[in-house]
Amino acid sequence: MALSVSVITPSYNQAEFIERTILSVLNQRLPPGCSLEYVVVDGGSSDGTLAILRGYSNRLRWISERDRGQADAVNKGIKMTRGDVIGWLNSDDIYYPGALTIVCEFLDAHPEVDLVYGDADHIDTADRVIEPYPTEPWNFQRLTETCFLCQPAVFFRRSVVERFGPLDIRLQYCMDYEYWIRLGQRGARFAWIRETLAGSRLHPATKTLGQRVAVHREINRMLKERLGATPDRWLFNYAHAVLDHWKVPRGTPIFSILVSFLSLLAALRWNGRISPEMRSTAREWIRAGMRAWKQSLRLS
């Protein structure tokens, strides 16, 4: 069975990168009988993005209008398309050559799989690889502790949206992570392809780099809503993000002490209680910080 693929790019003021994104999609070669439908949903860019989109009007569809954020734009794109398989590629990320062929052939051979994800790289502004994205085998419990699916390397069947609904437009940062959690909770079948499919760009304007504390707050709220409690690991991550924002040097006694107290406060804020495991870990960190502090005072 030949599958059709719909790729959706939500866009807003990414003129520096969007042409590379577009070409990474349009230059894909699909297996015989498969087809590609490409839609860019722009939020009203004012930086030259629209001129680039006009230059590709004969090879893709696009709209530009105000929206309610990235999730809203992706949902619009899903409604505008008809492909059997949906890929969501942000306007600063790229597909690697052959990615869509790998995905189509896998899903065609595994009709029981709802969502497939591959490996990915973090890339810089010049498309150079910074590091591999930390992708892992599918395990729902592990997913609640860390997001090991790299969003541009994820593809899902349209039936997933029909069964489980679209992205949550209330979310500004972790709409992809919430979607994977929701699908996993409700029984969607995931599969990992050991092929590097995409590059996820890191640069100062990236939401997850530039607004880390806000990102972690939203993740904590989302996980509390989805799971009933925010996992300890995410509470510790939040405390680390706050201290990084405050520019407290890591590896110092004061960092160990403060990260412990902030983690305990975060547990009370989101969960209304402190787990025995967090209590024990925080206690050890505080003790280690106090010992190091006293040692530094003796040496001074």
Protein backbone atom coordinates (compact mmCIF):
# COMPACT_ATOMS: atom_id res chain seq x y z
CA MET A 1 0.00 0.00 0.00
CA ALA A 2 1.47 3.36 -1.05
CA LEU A 3 1.17 5.99 1.66
CA SER A 4 0.67 9.72 1.21
CA VAL A 5 2.61 12.07 3.50
CA SER A 6 1.55 15.50 4.74
CA VAL A 7 4.31 17.69 6.16
CA ILE A 8 3.25 20.74 8.15
CA THR A 9 5.57 23.62 8.99
CA PRO A 10 4.35 26.19 11.53
CA SER A 11 6.20 29.42 10.89
CA TYR A 12 6.74 32.81 12.45
CA ASN A 13 9.62 35.18 11.66
CA GLN A 14 12.19 32.54 10.75
CA ALA A 15 13.36 33.98 7.44
CA GLU A 16 16.96 33.11 8.31
CA PHE A 17 16.19 29.39 8.33
CA ILE A 18 12.89 28.65 6.61
CA GLU A 19 14.26 28.19 3.09
CA ARG A 20 16.56 25.43 4.36
CA THR A 21 13.54 23.85 6.05
CA ILE A 22 11.49 24.04 2.86
CA LEU A 23 14.21 22.56 0.67
CA SER A 24 14.81 19.73 3.13
CA VAL A 25 11.18 18.73 2.54
CA LEU A 26 10.85 19.40 -1.19
CA ASN A 27 14.09 17.56 -1.98
CA GLN A 28 12.88 14.34 -0.35
CA ARG A 29 12.50 11.35 -2.64
CA LEU A 30 9.56 9.08 -1.89
CA PRO A 31 9.07 5.41 -2.76
CA PRO A 32 7.11 4.65 -5.95
CA GLY A 33 3.40 5.36 -5.50
CA CYS A 34 3.87 7.55 -2.41
CA SER A 35 3.01 11.24 -2.55
CA LEU A 36 3.99 14.36 -0.64
CA GLU A 37 1.74 17.23 0.41
CA TYR A 38 3.51 20.21 2.01
CA VAL A 39 1.82 23.08 3.86
CA VAL A 40 3.39 26.04 5.67
CA VAL A 41 1.15 27.73 8.23
CA ASP A 42 2.61 31.16 8.97
CA GLY A 43 1.49 33.30 11.89
CA GLY A 44 1.83 36.65 10.13
CA SER A 45 5.60 37.01 9.75
CA SER A 46 7.10 40.44 9.06
CA ASP A 47 10.76 39.51 8.49
CA GLY A 48 10.90 38.41 4.85
CA THR A 49 9.40 34.95 5.37
CA LEU A 50 6.46 35.69 3.08
CA ALA A 51 8.74 36.60 0.15
CA ILE A 52 10.45 33.23 0.52
CA LEU A 53 7.10 31.41 0.66
CA ARG A 54 5.89 33.20 -2.47
CA GLY A 55 8.95 31.88 -4.28
CA TYR A 56 7.82 28.32 -3.61
CA SER A 57 4.09 28.77 -4.19
CA ASN A 58 4.15 26.36 -7.12
CA ARG A 59 5.57 23.56 -4.95
CA LEU A 60 3.77 23.96 -1.63
CA ARG A 61 0.69 25.54 -0.10
CA TRP A 62 0.91 28.26 2.50
CA ILE A 63 -1.21 30.69 4.47
CA SER A 64 -0.22 33.64 6.63
CA GLU A 65 -2.56 34.87 9.33
CA ARG A 66 -2.53 35.48 13.04
CA ASP A 67 -2.90 32.37 15.15
CA ARG A 68 -2.90 31.30 18.78
CA GLY A 69 0.59 29.85 18.74
CA GLN A 70 2.53 26.93 17.36
CA ALA A 71 0.05 24.22 18.37
CA ASP A 72 -2.79 26.14 16.73
CA ALA A 73 -0.75 26.46 13.52
CA VAL A 74 0.01 22.73 13.42
CA ASN A 75 -3.66 21.90 14.02
CA LYS A 76 -4.63 24.19 11.13
CA GLY A 77 -2.15 22.40 8.91
CA ILE A 78 -3.55 19.00 9.88
CA LYS A 79 -7.05 20.18 8.91
CA MET A 80 -5.75 21.53 5.60
CA THR A 81 -4.14 18.25 4.56
CA ARG A 82 -5.20 14.71 3.72
CA GLY A 83 -2.07 12.55 3.89
CA ASP A 84 -2.07 9.16 5.61
CA VAL A 85 1.10 10.10 7.52
CA ILE A 86 1.73 13.44 9.23
CA GLY A 87 5.12 15.03 9.79
CA TRP A 88 5.55 18.25 11.73
CA LEU A 89 8.69 20.22 10.92
CA ASN A 90 9.30 23.59 12.54
CA SER A 91 10.56 26.46 10.41
CA ASP A 92 14.11 26.26 11.75
CA ASP A 93 14.52 22.46 11.65
CA ILE A 94 15.40 20.18 8.72
CA TYR A 95 14.79 16.68 7.44
CA TYR A 96 17.82 14.69 6.37
CA PRO A 97 17.86 13.15 2.87
CA GLY A 98 15.88 9.92 2.69
CA ALA A 99 13.92 10.54 5.89
CA LEU A 100 10.46 10.29 4.32
CA THR A 101 11.36 7.16 2.37
CA ILE A 102 12.52 5.45 5.57
CA VAL A 103 9.32 6.45 7.39
CA CYS A 104 6.95 5.46 4.58
CA GLU A 105 8.57 2.08 4.04
CA PHE A 106 8.52 1.33 7.76
CA LEU A 107 4.89 2.32 8.29
CA ASP A 108 3.83 0.47 5.15
CA ALA A 109 5.50 -2.68 6.48
CA HIS A 110 4.14 -2.22 10.04
CA PRO A 111 0.43 -1.33 9.84
CA GLU A 112 0.07 -1.97 13.58
CA VAL A 113 2.33 1.03 14.43
CA ASP A 114 0.61 4.36 15.07
CA LEU A 115 3.65 6.59 15.57
CA VAL A 116 7.26 6.14 14.52
CA TYR A 117 10.25 8.16 15.66
CA GLY A 118 13.86 8.16 14.59
CA ASP A 119 17.16 9.53 15.80
CA ALA A 120 18.03 13.21 15.36
CA ASP A 121 20.82 15.71 15.86
CA HIS A 122 20.98 19.05 17.54
CA ILE A 123 22.36 21.40 14.88
CA ASP A 124 23.64 24.98 14.96
CA THR A 125 22.74 27.96 12.78
CA ALA A 126 25.03 26.69 10.00
CA ASP A 127 23.52 23.16 10.02
CA ARG A 128 26.57 21.73 11.79
CA VAL A 129 25.92 18.88 14.20
CA ILE A 130 26.32 19.89 17.84
CA GLU A 131 25.44 16.54 19.37
CA PRO A 132 23.05 13.63 18.85
CA TYR A 133 19.63 14.07 20.41
CA PRO A 134 19.31 11.63 23.36
CA THR A 135 16.76 9.28 21.77
CA GLU A 136 15.83 6.08 23.62
CA PRO A 137 13.81 2.90 23.06
CA TRP A 138 10.08 3.24 23.66
CA ASN A 139 9.13 3.05 27.33
CA PHE A 140 6.18 5.04 28.65
CA GLN A 141 7.41 5.24 32.24
CA ARG A 142 10.72 6.58 31.03
CA LEU A 143 8.91 9.13 28.86
CA THR A 144 7.32 10.62 31.98
CA GLU A 145 10.83 11.38 33.28
CA THR A 146 12.44 12.74 30.09
CA CYS A 147 11.30 13.58 26.57
CA PHE A 148 13.42 11.23 24.47
CA LEU A 149 11.45 11.77 21.24
CA CYS A 150 12.86 14.56 19.07
CA GLN A 151 9.80 16.26 17.58
CA PRO A 152 10.99 16.73 13.94
CA ALA A 153 11.95 13.05 13.84
CA VAL A 154 8.41 11.93 14.80
CA PHE A 155 5.73 10.87 12.29
CA PHE A 156 2.22 9.64 13.06
CA ARG A 157 -0.74 8.33 11.12
CA ARG A 158 -3.71 10.62 10.53
CA SER A 159 -5.81 8.05 12.38
CA VAL A 160 -3.93 9.10 15.55
CA VAL A 161 -5.45 12.58 15.36
CA GLU A 162 -8.86 11.12 14.63
CA ARG A 163 -8.62 8.83 17.69
CA PHE A 164 -6.80 11.01 20.21
CA GLY A 165 -7.45 14.58 19.10
CA PRO A 166 -5.16 17.43 17.97
CA LEU A 167 -2.43 19.29 19.84
CA ASP A 168 -3.38 21.23 22.98
CA ILE A 169 -3.41 24.90 21.96
CA ARG A 170 -3.18 26.03 25.59
CA LEU A 171 0.49 25.02 25.56
CA GLN A 172 3.22 27.27 24.19
CA TYR A 173 6.34 25.19 24.84
CA CYS A 174 5.65 21.51 25.49
CA MET A 175 2.77 20.77 23.12
CA ASP A 176 4.78 17.97 21.48
CA TYR A 177 5.76 16.35 24.79
CA GLU A 178 2.16 16.50 26.00
CA TYR A 179 1.03 14.82 22.80
CA TRP A 180 3.45 11.91 23.17
CA ILE A 181 2.40 11.51 26.82
CA ARG A 182 -1.29 11.59 25.88
CA LEU A 183 -0.87 9.04 23.10
CA GLY A 184 1.16 6.74 25.31
CA GLN A 185 -1.43 6.91 28.08
CA ARG A 186 -4.24 6.04 25.70
CA GLY A 187 -2.64 3.06 24.05
CA ALA A 188 -1.08 4.35 20.84
CA ARG A 189 1.62 2.03 19.48
CA PHE A 190 5.09 3.60 19.17
CA ALA A 191 8.12 2.31 17.28
CA TRP A 192 11.74 3.50 17.14
CA ILE A 193 13.67 3.49 13.85
CA ARG A 194 17.45 3.46 14.36
CA GLU A 195 18.00 5.98 11.56
CA THR A 196 18.88 9.67 11.88
CA LEU A 197 15.97 11.51 10.29
CA ALA A 198 16.17 15.17 11.27
CA GLY A 199 18.16 18.09 12.61
CA SER A 200 16.68 20.08 15.49
CA ARG A 201 18.19 23.54 15.54
CA LEU A 202 19.52 25.19 18.68
CA HIS A 203 20.04 28.94 18.60
CA PRO A 204 19.45 31.83 21.04
CA ALA A 205 15.90 32.48 19.80
CA THR A 206 14.83 28.86 20.33
CA LYS A 207 12.02 28.81 22.88
CA THR A 208 13.45 25.94 24.88
CA LEU A 209 16.82 27.71 25.18
CA GLY A 210 15.72 31.32 25.65
CA GLN A 211 12.89 30.71 28.13
CA ARG A 212 13.96 27.65 30.10
CA VAL A 213 12.25 28.55 33.38
CA ALA A 214 8.92 29.20 31.66
CA VAL A 215 9.34 25.95 29.70
CA HIS A 216 9.86 23.96 32.89
CA ARG A 217 6.91 25.62 34.63
CA GLU A 218 4.65 24.62 31.74
CA ILE A 219 6.02 21.06 31.70
CA ASN A 220 5.41 20.74 35.44
CA ARG A 221 1.81 21.96 35.10
CA MET A 222 1.18 19.69 32.13
CA LEU A 223 2.57 16.59 33.84
CA LYS A 224 0.56 17.31 36.97
CA GLU A 225 -2.58 17.47 34.83
CA ARG A 226 -1.72 14.40 32.74
CA LEU A 227 -0.21 12.12 35.40
CA GLY A 228 -1.73 13.40 38.63
CA ALA A 229 1.71 14.42 39.94
CA THR A 230 4.87 15.94 38.46
CA PRO A 231 7.73 13.41 38.57
CA ASP A 232 10.60 14.28 40.90
CA ARG A 233 13.08 14.41 38.03
CA TRP A 234 11.20 17.29 36.40
CA LEU A 235 11.01 19.15 39.73
CA PHE A 236 14.79 18.86 40.10
CA ASN A 237 15.19 20.01 36.47
CA TYR A 238 13.05 23.06 37.22
CA ALA A 239 15.23 23.95 40.22
CA HIS A 240 18.36 23.67 38.07
CA ALA A 241 16.82 25.93 35.41
CA VAL A 242 15.96 28.59 38.01
CA LEU A 243 19.48 28.60 39.42
CA ASP A 244 20.98 28.76 35.93
CA HIS A 245 18.74 31.77 35.29
CA TRP A 246 20.02 33.33 38.52
CA LYS A 247 23.57 32.55 37.31
CA VAL A 248 24.46 30.53 40.40
CA PRO A 249 27.61 28.56 39.46
CA ARG A 250 27.05 24.81 39.23
CA GLY A 251 29.31 22.61 41.30
CA THR A 252 29.47 25.10 44.17
CA PRO A 253 28.23 24.41 47.72
CA ILE A 254 25.56 27.12 47.47
CA PHE A 255 24.21 25.54 44.25
CA SER A 256 23.76 22.15 45.95
CA ILE A 257 21.99 23.74 48.90
CA LEU A 258 19.74 26.01 46.85
CA VAL A 259 18.79 23.35 44.27
CA SER A 260 17.64 21.13 47.14
CA PHE A 261 15.47 23.79 48.74
CA LEU A 262 14.01 24.88 45.38
CA SER A 263 13.19 21.26 44.48
CA LEU A 264 11.35 20.80 47.78
CA LEU A 265 9.41 24.02 47.23
CA ALA A 266 8.57 22.93 43.67
CA ALA A 267 7.24 19.61 44.98
CA LEU A 268 4.96 21.44 47.38
CA ARG A 269 3.87 23.89 44.68
CA TRP A 270 2.91 21.31 42.03
CA ASN A 271 2.25 18.15 43.99
CA GLY A 272 1.27 19.42 47.42
CA ARG A 273 3.68 16.94 49.01
CA ILE A 274 7.32 15.83 49.01
CA SER A 275 8.05 12.25 48.03
CA PRO A 276 10.31 10.17 50.31
CA GLU A 277 12.79 9.81 47.44
CA MET A 278 13.01 13.57 46.91
CA ARG A 279 13.31 14.19 50.65
CA SER A 280 16.23 11.75 50.85
CA THR A 281 18.00 13.15 47.77
CA ALA A 282 17.58 16.75 48.89
CA ARG A 283 18.87 15.90 52.35
CA GLU A 284 22.02 14.35 50.88
CA TRP A 285 22.62 17.33 48.58
CA ILE A 286 22.21 19.78 51.47
CA ARG A 287 24.60 17.79 53.63
CA ALA A 288 27.16 17.59 50.81
CA GLY A 289 26.84 21.32 50.19
CA MET A 290 27.27 22.15 53.86
CA ARG A 291 30.36 19.91 54.13
CA ALA A 292 31.92 21.56 51.08
CA TRP A 293 31.06 25.02 52.41
CA LYS A 294 32.66 24.32 55.78
CA GLN A 295 35.73 22.87 54.05
CA SER A 296 36.11 26.02 51.93
CA LEU A 297 35.86 28.21 55.04
CA ARG A 298 38.62 26.21 56.75
CA LEU A 299 40.86 26.58 53.70
CA SER A 300 40.29 30.33 53.34
